[in-house]
N, C-alpha and C. Protein backbone atom coordinates (compact mmCIF):
# COMPACT_ATOMS: atom_id res chain seq x y z
N MET A 1 99.82 89.98 -76.74
CA MET A 1 100.20 90.72 -75.55
C MET A 1 101.57 91.35 -75.79
N SER A 2 101.76 92.56 -75.35
CA SER A 2 103.03 93.27 -75.54
C SER A 2 104.12 92.73 -74.62
N ASP A 3 105.39 92.97 -74.98
CA ASP A 3 106.50 92.57 -74.10
C ASP A 3 106.38 93.23 -72.73
N ARG A 4 105.96 94.49 -72.71
CA ARG A 4 105.78 95.18 -71.42
C ARG A 4 104.80 94.43 -70.54
N GLN A 5 103.69 93.98 -71.11
CA GLN A 5 102.69 93.25 -70.32
C GLN A 5 103.23 91.88 -69.89
N HIS A 6 104.01 91.23 -70.75
CA HIS A 6 104.63 89.96 -70.37
C HIS A 6 105.57 90.14 -69.18
N VAL A 7 106.34 91.23 -69.19
CA VAL A 7 107.24 91.52 -68.06
C VAL A 7 106.45 91.81 -66.80
N LEU A 8 105.41 92.62 -66.91
CA LEU A 8 104.57 92.90 -65.73
C LEU A 8 103.97 91.62 -65.18
N ASN A 9 103.52 90.72 -66.06
CA ASN A 9 102.97 89.44 -65.61
C ASN A 9 104.03 88.58 -64.94
N ALA A 10 105.23 88.52 -65.53
CA ALA A 10 106.32 87.74 -64.94
C ALA A 10 106.68 88.29 -63.56
N ALA A 11 106.73 89.61 -63.43
CA ALA A 11 107.04 90.23 -62.14
C ALA A 11 105.93 89.94 -61.12
N ALA A 12 104.68 90.02 -61.54
CA ALA A 12 103.56 89.74 -60.63
C ALA A 12 103.60 88.29 -60.16
N GLU A 13 103.93 87.37 -61.05
CA GLU A 13 104.02 85.96 -60.65
C GLU A 13 105.18 85.73 -59.68
N LEU A 14 106.31 86.39 -59.93
CA LEU A 14 107.45 86.28 -59.03
C LEU A 14 107.10 86.80 -57.64
N VAL A 15 106.51 87.97 -57.57
CA VAL A 15 106.13 88.57 -56.27
C VAL A 15 105.07 87.70 -55.57
N ALA A 16 104.09 87.19 -56.32
CA ALA A 16 103.05 86.36 -55.73
C ALA A 16 103.64 85.07 -55.15
N ALA A 17 104.59 84.46 -55.86
CA ALA A 17 105.23 83.24 -55.34
C ALA A 17 105.99 83.55 -54.05
N PHE A 18 106.71 84.67 -54.03
CA PHE A 18 107.43 85.08 -52.82
C PHE A 18 106.43 85.32 -51.68
N ALA A 19 105.35 86.04 -51.99
CA ALA A 19 104.36 86.41 -50.97
C ALA A 19 103.71 85.20 -50.31
N ARG A 20 103.54 84.13 -51.08
CA ARG A 20 102.92 82.93 -50.51
C ARG A 20 103.95 81.91 -50.02
N ASN A 21 105.22 82.35 -49.97
CA ASN A 21 106.31 81.53 -49.45
C ASN A 21 106.49 80.24 -50.27
N ASP A 22 106.26 80.36 -51.59
CA ASP A 22 106.35 79.22 -52.50
C ASP A 22 107.76 79.18 -53.09
N ARG A 23 108.65 78.51 -52.40
CA ARG A 23 110.06 78.46 -52.78
C ARG A 23 110.26 77.99 -54.22
N GLU A 24 109.59 76.93 -54.59
CA GLU A 24 109.80 76.36 -55.92
C GLU A 24 109.38 77.33 -57.02
N ALA A 25 108.19 77.89 -56.91
CA ALA A 25 107.70 78.82 -57.93
C ALA A 25 108.53 80.11 -57.94
N TYR A 26 108.95 80.57 -56.78
CA TYR A 26 109.76 81.79 -56.70
C TYR A 26 111.07 81.61 -57.45
N PHE A 27 111.81 80.55 -57.14
CA PHE A 27 113.11 80.36 -57.77
C PHE A 27 112.99 79.97 -59.24
N ALA A 28 111.86 79.39 -59.63
CA ALA A 28 111.64 79.07 -61.05
C ALA A 28 111.51 80.32 -61.90
N ALA A 29 111.25 81.46 -61.27
CA ALA A 29 111.11 82.74 -61.98
C ALA A 29 112.47 83.35 -62.34
N PHE A 30 113.57 82.73 -61.87
CA PHE A 30 114.93 83.23 -62.10
C PHE A 30 115.71 82.28 -62.99
N SER A 31 116.57 82.84 -63.81
CA SER A 31 117.50 82.02 -64.59
C SER A 31 118.57 81.46 -63.64
N ALA A 32 119.19 80.36 -64.04
CA ALA A 32 120.22 79.73 -63.21
C ALA A 32 121.39 80.67 -62.93
N ASP A 33 121.70 81.56 -63.89
CA ASP A 33 122.83 82.47 -63.73
C ASP A 33 122.45 83.81 -63.10
N ALA A 34 121.27 83.88 -62.53
CA ALA A 34 120.81 85.13 -61.90
C ALA A 34 121.75 85.53 -60.76
N SER A 35 121.84 86.83 -60.56
CA SER A 35 122.62 87.38 -59.45
C SER A 35 121.68 88.19 -58.55
N PHE A 36 122.09 88.34 -57.30
CA PHE A 36 121.24 88.98 -56.30
C PHE A 36 122.09 89.90 -55.43
N VAL A 37 121.64 91.13 -55.26
CA VAL A 37 122.31 92.09 -54.39
C VAL A 37 121.29 92.55 -53.36
N PHE A 38 121.54 92.18 -52.11
CA PHE A 38 120.65 92.56 -51.00
C PHE A 38 121.46 93.39 -50.02
N TYR A 39 120.94 94.54 -49.66
CA TYR A 39 121.67 95.43 -48.76
C TYR A 39 121.86 94.81 -47.39
N THR A 40 121.15 93.74 -47.08
CA THR A 40 121.24 93.08 -45.79
C THR A 40 122.35 92.03 -45.74
N LEU A 41 122.99 91.76 -46.89
CA LEU A 41 124.06 90.77 -46.95
C LEU A 41 125.40 91.44 -47.22
N PRO A 42 126.50 90.85 -46.73
CA PRO A 42 127.81 91.47 -46.93
C PRO A 42 128.35 91.34 -48.36
N GLN A 43 127.81 90.40 -49.15
CA GLN A 43 128.30 90.23 -50.52
C GLN A 43 127.15 89.78 -51.43
N PRO A 44 127.32 90.00 -52.74
CA PRO A 44 126.29 89.55 -53.69
C PRO A 44 126.22 88.02 -53.74
N LEU A 45 125.06 87.53 -54.14
CA LEU A 45 124.88 86.11 -54.42
C LEU A 45 124.94 85.99 -55.94
N LEU A 46 125.84 85.16 -56.45
CA LEU A 46 126.14 85.17 -57.87
C LEU A 46 125.48 84.05 -58.67
N SER A 47 124.51 83.37 -58.06
CA SER A 47 123.75 82.37 -58.80
C SER A 47 122.44 82.09 -58.07
N ARG A 48 121.49 81.54 -58.82
CA ARG A 48 120.23 81.13 -58.20
C ARG A 48 120.49 80.07 -57.14
N ASP A 49 121.41 79.13 -57.42
CA ASP A 49 121.74 78.08 -56.44
C ASP A 49 122.26 78.66 -55.14
N ALA A 50 123.09 79.71 -55.23
CA ALA A 50 123.62 80.33 -54.01
C ALA A 50 122.49 80.93 -53.17
N TYR A 51 121.52 81.58 -53.82
CA TYR A 51 120.39 82.15 -53.08
C TYR A 51 119.51 81.05 -52.50
N GLN A 52 119.27 80.00 -53.27
CA GLN A 52 118.46 78.89 -52.76
C GLN A 52 119.10 78.26 -51.53
N ALA A 53 120.42 78.10 -51.56
CA ALA A 53 121.12 77.52 -50.41
C ALA A 53 120.98 78.41 -49.18
N LEU A 54 121.09 79.73 -49.37
CA LEU A 54 120.92 80.66 -48.26
C LEU A 54 119.49 80.63 -47.74
N TRP A 55 118.51 80.61 -48.65
CA TRP A 55 117.09 80.52 -48.28
C TRP A 55 116.87 79.27 -47.41
N ASP A 56 117.40 78.13 -47.86
CA ASP A 56 117.25 76.88 -47.12
C ASP A 56 117.91 76.96 -45.75
N GLN A 57 119.07 77.62 -45.69
CA GLN A 57 119.75 77.81 -44.41
C GLN A 57 118.90 78.67 -43.48
N TRP A 58 118.34 79.78 -44.01
CA TRP A 58 117.46 80.63 -43.20
C TRP A 58 116.28 79.82 -42.66
N ARG A 59 115.69 78.99 -43.51
CA ARG A 59 114.54 78.17 -43.08
C ARG A 59 114.94 77.22 -41.96
N ALA A 60 116.05 76.52 -42.13
CA ALA A 60 116.49 75.51 -41.17
C ALA A 60 116.94 76.13 -39.85
N GLU A 61 117.69 77.22 -39.92
CA GLU A 61 118.29 77.80 -38.71
C GLU A 61 117.43 78.86 -38.04
N ASP A 62 116.64 79.61 -38.84
CA ASP A 62 115.92 80.75 -38.30
C ASP A 62 114.40 80.65 -38.41
N GLY A 63 113.90 79.56 -39.00
CA GLY A 63 112.46 79.44 -39.19
C GLY A 63 111.92 80.46 -40.17
N PHE A 64 112.74 80.85 -41.14
CA PHE A 64 112.37 81.88 -42.12
C PHE A 64 111.09 81.50 -42.85
N GLU A 65 110.17 82.48 -42.91
CA GLU A 65 108.91 82.29 -43.64
C GLU A 65 108.41 83.65 -44.12
N VAL A 66 108.05 83.72 -45.39
CA VAL A 66 107.45 84.94 -45.92
C VAL A 66 105.97 84.89 -45.58
N LEU A 67 105.46 85.94 -44.96
CA LEU A 67 104.06 86.02 -44.57
C LEU A 67 103.23 86.82 -45.57
N SER A 68 103.83 87.86 -46.16
CA SER A 68 103.14 88.66 -47.18
C SER A 68 104.16 89.53 -47.90
N CYS A 69 103.76 89.94 -49.09
CA CYS A 69 104.59 90.86 -49.87
C CYS A 69 103.69 91.56 -50.87
N THR A 70 103.70 92.88 -50.86
CA THR A 70 102.90 93.63 -51.83
C THR A 70 103.81 94.56 -52.62
N SER A 71 103.48 94.70 -53.88
CA SER A 71 104.24 95.51 -54.81
C SER A 71 103.43 96.75 -55.17
N SER A 72 104.12 97.87 -55.34
CA SER A 72 103.46 99.09 -55.76
C SER A 72 104.44 99.94 -56.58
N ASN A 73 103.90 100.92 -57.28
CA ASN A 73 104.71 101.88 -58.04
C ASN A 73 105.60 101.21 -59.08
N ALA A 74 105.06 100.22 -59.77
CA ALA A 74 105.85 99.48 -60.76
C ALA A 74 106.14 100.32 -61.99
N VAL A 75 107.38 100.18 -62.49
CA VAL A 75 107.83 100.83 -63.71
C VAL A 75 108.60 99.78 -64.51
N VAL A 76 108.35 99.72 -65.83
CA VAL A 76 109.08 98.81 -66.71
C VAL A 76 109.78 99.61 -67.79
N SER A 77 111.06 99.32 -67.98
CA SER A 77 111.83 99.92 -69.06
C SER A 77 112.33 98.79 -69.95
N LEU A 78 111.84 98.74 -71.18
CA LEU A 78 112.26 97.71 -72.12
C LEU A 78 113.54 98.14 -72.83
N GLN A 79 114.49 97.22 -72.93
CA GLN A 79 115.78 97.47 -73.58
C GLN A 79 116.06 96.28 -74.51
N GLY A 80 115.24 96.11 -75.54
CA GLY A 80 115.37 94.96 -76.43
C GLY A 80 114.87 93.70 -75.74
N ASP A 81 115.76 92.70 -75.61
CA ASP A 81 115.40 91.45 -74.95
C ASP A 81 115.66 91.48 -73.45
N VAL A 82 115.89 92.68 -72.92
CA VAL A 82 116.09 92.88 -71.48
C VAL A 82 115.07 93.92 -71.02
N ALA A 83 114.56 93.71 -69.83
CA ALA A 83 113.63 94.67 -69.24
C ALA A 83 114.04 94.95 -67.80
N VAL A 84 113.98 96.22 -67.43
CA VAL A 84 114.27 96.63 -66.06
C VAL A 84 112.93 96.94 -65.40
N PHE A 85 112.65 96.21 -64.32
CA PHE A 85 111.41 96.37 -63.56
C PHE A 85 111.78 96.96 -62.21
N ILE A 86 111.18 98.09 -61.86
CA ILE A 86 111.43 98.76 -60.58
C ILE A 86 110.11 98.87 -59.84
N HIS A 87 110.13 98.58 -58.54
CA HIS A 87 108.91 98.71 -57.74
C HIS A 87 109.27 98.89 -56.27
N ASP A 88 108.28 99.26 -55.50
CA ASP A 88 108.39 99.32 -54.04
C ASP A 88 107.74 98.07 -53.48
N VAL A 89 108.35 97.49 -52.46
CA VAL A 89 107.79 96.29 -51.85
C VAL A 89 107.64 96.47 -50.35
N ALA A 90 106.52 95.99 -49.86
CA ALA A 90 106.25 95.95 -48.42
C ALA A 90 106.16 94.47 -48.05
N THR A 91 107.04 94.02 -47.18
CA THR A 91 107.17 92.60 -46.89
C THR A 91 107.05 92.34 -45.39
N ARG A 92 106.37 91.26 -45.08
CA ARG A 92 106.27 90.79 -43.70
C ARG A 92 106.86 89.37 -43.66
N LEU A 93 107.87 89.18 -42.79
CA LEU A 93 108.56 87.90 -42.64
C LEU A 93 108.49 87.42 -41.21
N ARG A 94 108.72 86.13 -41.04
CA ARG A 94 108.92 85.57 -39.69
C ARG A 94 110.32 84.97 -39.66
N MET A 95 111.09 85.38 -38.67
CA MET A 95 112.41 84.79 -38.43
C MET A 95 112.59 84.65 -36.93
N GLN A 96 113.07 83.49 -36.53
CA GLN A 96 113.30 83.19 -35.12
C GLN A 96 112.05 83.48 -34.29
N GLY A 97 110.89 83.16 -34.87
CA GLY A 97 109.63 83.30 -34.17
C GLY A 97 109.08 84.72 -34.10
N GLU A 98 109.79 85.69 -34.63
CA GLU A 98 109.33 87.08 -34.58
C GLU A 98 108.98 87.58 -35.98
N GLN A 99 107.95 88.43 -36.06
CA GLN A 99 107.57 89.03 -37.33
C GLN A 99 108.39 90.29 -37.57
N HIS A 100 108.78 90.46 -38.83
CA HIS A 100 109.55 91.64 -39.24
C HIS A 100 108.85 92.24 -40.45
N PHE A 101 108.77 93.57 -40.48
CA PHE A 101 108.15 94.27 -41.60
C PHE A 101 109.20 95.18 -42.23
N SER A 102 109.26 95.19 -43.54
CA SER A 102 110.20 96.07 -44.23
C SER A 102 109.54 96.72 -45.43
N GLN A 103 110.00 97.92 -45.73
CA GLN A 103 109.59 98.64 -46.94
C GLN A 103 110.86 98.93 -47.71
N GLU A 104 110.91 98.39 -48.93
CA GLU A 104 112.13 98.46 -49.70
C GLU A 104 111.82 98.82 -51.15
N ARG A 105 112.85 99.17 -51.86
CA ARG A 105 112.75 99.42 -53.30
C ARG A 105 113.58 98.33 -53.98
N GLU A 106 113.03 97.82 -55.06
CA GLU A 106 113.67 96.68 -55.71
C GLU A 106 113.74 96.89 -57.22
N THR A 107 114.85 96.48 -57.80
CA THR A 107 115.03 96.44 -59.24
C THR A 107 115.21 94.98 -59.62
N ILE A 108 114.43 94.52 -60.59
CA ILE A 108 114.58 93.17 -61.12
C ILE A 108 114.81 93.31 -62.62
N VAL A 109 115.88 92.70 -63.10
CA VAL A 109 116.18 92.70 -64.52
C VAL A 109 115.68 91.37 -65.10
N PHE A 110 114.86 91.47 -66.13
CA PHE A 110 114.33 90.30 -66.82
C PHE A 110 115.00 90.17 -68.18
N ARG A 111 115.21 88.93 -68.60
CA ARG A 111 115.79 88.66 -69.92
C ARG A 111 114.83 87.73 -70.67
N LYS A 112 114.53 88.09 -71.90
CA LYS A 112 113.62 87.29 -72.72
C LYS A 112 114.34 86.03 -73.20
N GLN A 113 113.71 84.88 -72.96
CA GLN A 113 114.26 83.59 -73.36
C GLN A 113 113.86 83.28 -74.80
N GLN A 114 114.51 82.30 -75.41
CA GLN A 114 114.22 81.94 -76.80
C GLN A 114 112.76 81.57 -77.01
N GLN A 115 112.14 80.93 -76.04
CA GLN A 115 110.73 80.52 -76.16
C GLN A 115 109.76 81.65 -75.80
N GLY A 116 110.27 82.87 -75.60
CA GLY A 116 109.42 84.02 -75.34
C GLY A 116 109.14 84.28 -73.87
N LEU A 117 109.58 83.40 -72.99
CA LEU A 117 109.38 83.54 -71.55
C LEU A 117 110.37 84.57 -71.00
N TRP A 118 109.91 85.42 -70.10
CA TRP A 118 110.77 86.40 -69.44
C TRP A 118 111.17 85.85 -68.07
N LEU A 119 112.48 85.66 -67.86
CA LEU A 119 112.99 85.20 -66.56
C LEU A 119 113.84 86.30 -65.94
N ALA A 120 113.79 86.38 -64.63
CA ALA A 120 114.61 87.35 -63.91
C ALA A 120 116.06 86.87 -63.93
N CYS A 121 116.99 87.80 -64.23
CA CYS A 121 118.40 87.45 -64.24
C CYS A 121 119.21 88.27 -63.23
N HIS A 122 118.57 89.25 -62.60
CA HIS A 122 119.24 90.04 -61.57
C HIS A 122 118.18 90.69 -60.67
N GLU A 123 118.46 90.68 -59.39
CA GLU A 123 117.58 91.34 -58.42
C GLU A 123 118.45 92.19 -57.50
N HIS A 124 118.04 93.43 -57.30
CA HIS A 124 118.76 94.34 -56.42
C HIS A 124 117.74 94.97 -55.46
N LEU A 125 117.93 94.73 -54.19
CA LEU A 125 117.04 95.23 -53.15
C LEU A 125 117.73 96.34 -52.39
N SER A 126 117.02 97.46 -52.22
CA SER A 126 117.56 98.62 -51.50
C SER A 126 116.62 99.00 -50.38
N ALA A 127 117.20 99.55 -49.32
CA ALA A 127 116.38 100.09 -48.23
C ALA A 127 115.61 101.30 -48.75
N MET A 128 114.39 101.47 -48.29
CA MET A 128 113.60 102.64 -48.64
C MET A 128 114.17 103.84 -47.88
N PRO A 129 114.36 104.96 -48.56
CA PRO A 129 114.89 106.14 -47.86
C PRO A 129 114.01 106.50 -46.66
N GLU A 130 114.65 106.95 -45.61
CA GLU A 130 113.94 107.36 -44.39
C GLU A 130 113.00 108.52 -44.67
N GLY A 131 111.87 108.53 -43.99
CA GLY A 131 110.96 109.65 -44.06
C GLY A 131 109.97 109.62 -45.19
N LEU A 132 110.05 108.62 -46.04
CA LEU A 132 109.06 108.53 -47.11
C LEU A 132 107.80 107.83 -46.61
N PRO A 133 106.65 108.23 -47.07
CA PRO A 133 105.42 107.56 -46.64
C PRO A 133 105.37 106.15 -47.24
N PRO A 134 104.66 105.21 -46.58
CA PRO A 134 104.54 103.86 -47.11
C PRO A 134 103.82 103.86 -48.46
N PRO A 135 104.15 102.85 -49.29
CA PRO A 135 103.50 102.78 -50.61
C PRO A 135 102.02 102.48 -50.50
């Protein structure tokens, strides 16, 4: 299997774990030193542990739950042992008892590990520009 296909598979597994609200599998797709930039937060999260702590806080305080997530328009750019994965995501969440739907664009940077596994080391989520049709 090509590196491109390995990255696409790693991205699909990451999105599927998020979509089924599988916290353990989702965070296992990231390296410990992963960083996260979400336009909905005032500052970046500079480790997987920081994001996990925020996720747990959202769950405890807001009843956070992922209901669905679909990926479309995937593009992979290989840069040696690093790959940039870009896609559009449509997500449905529950917070504070209410459902929320968002359409966003996301970049995930994957880094090839010594054992050949591709782990995400950076995630950047952006709002979808206004006026674009849904993916």
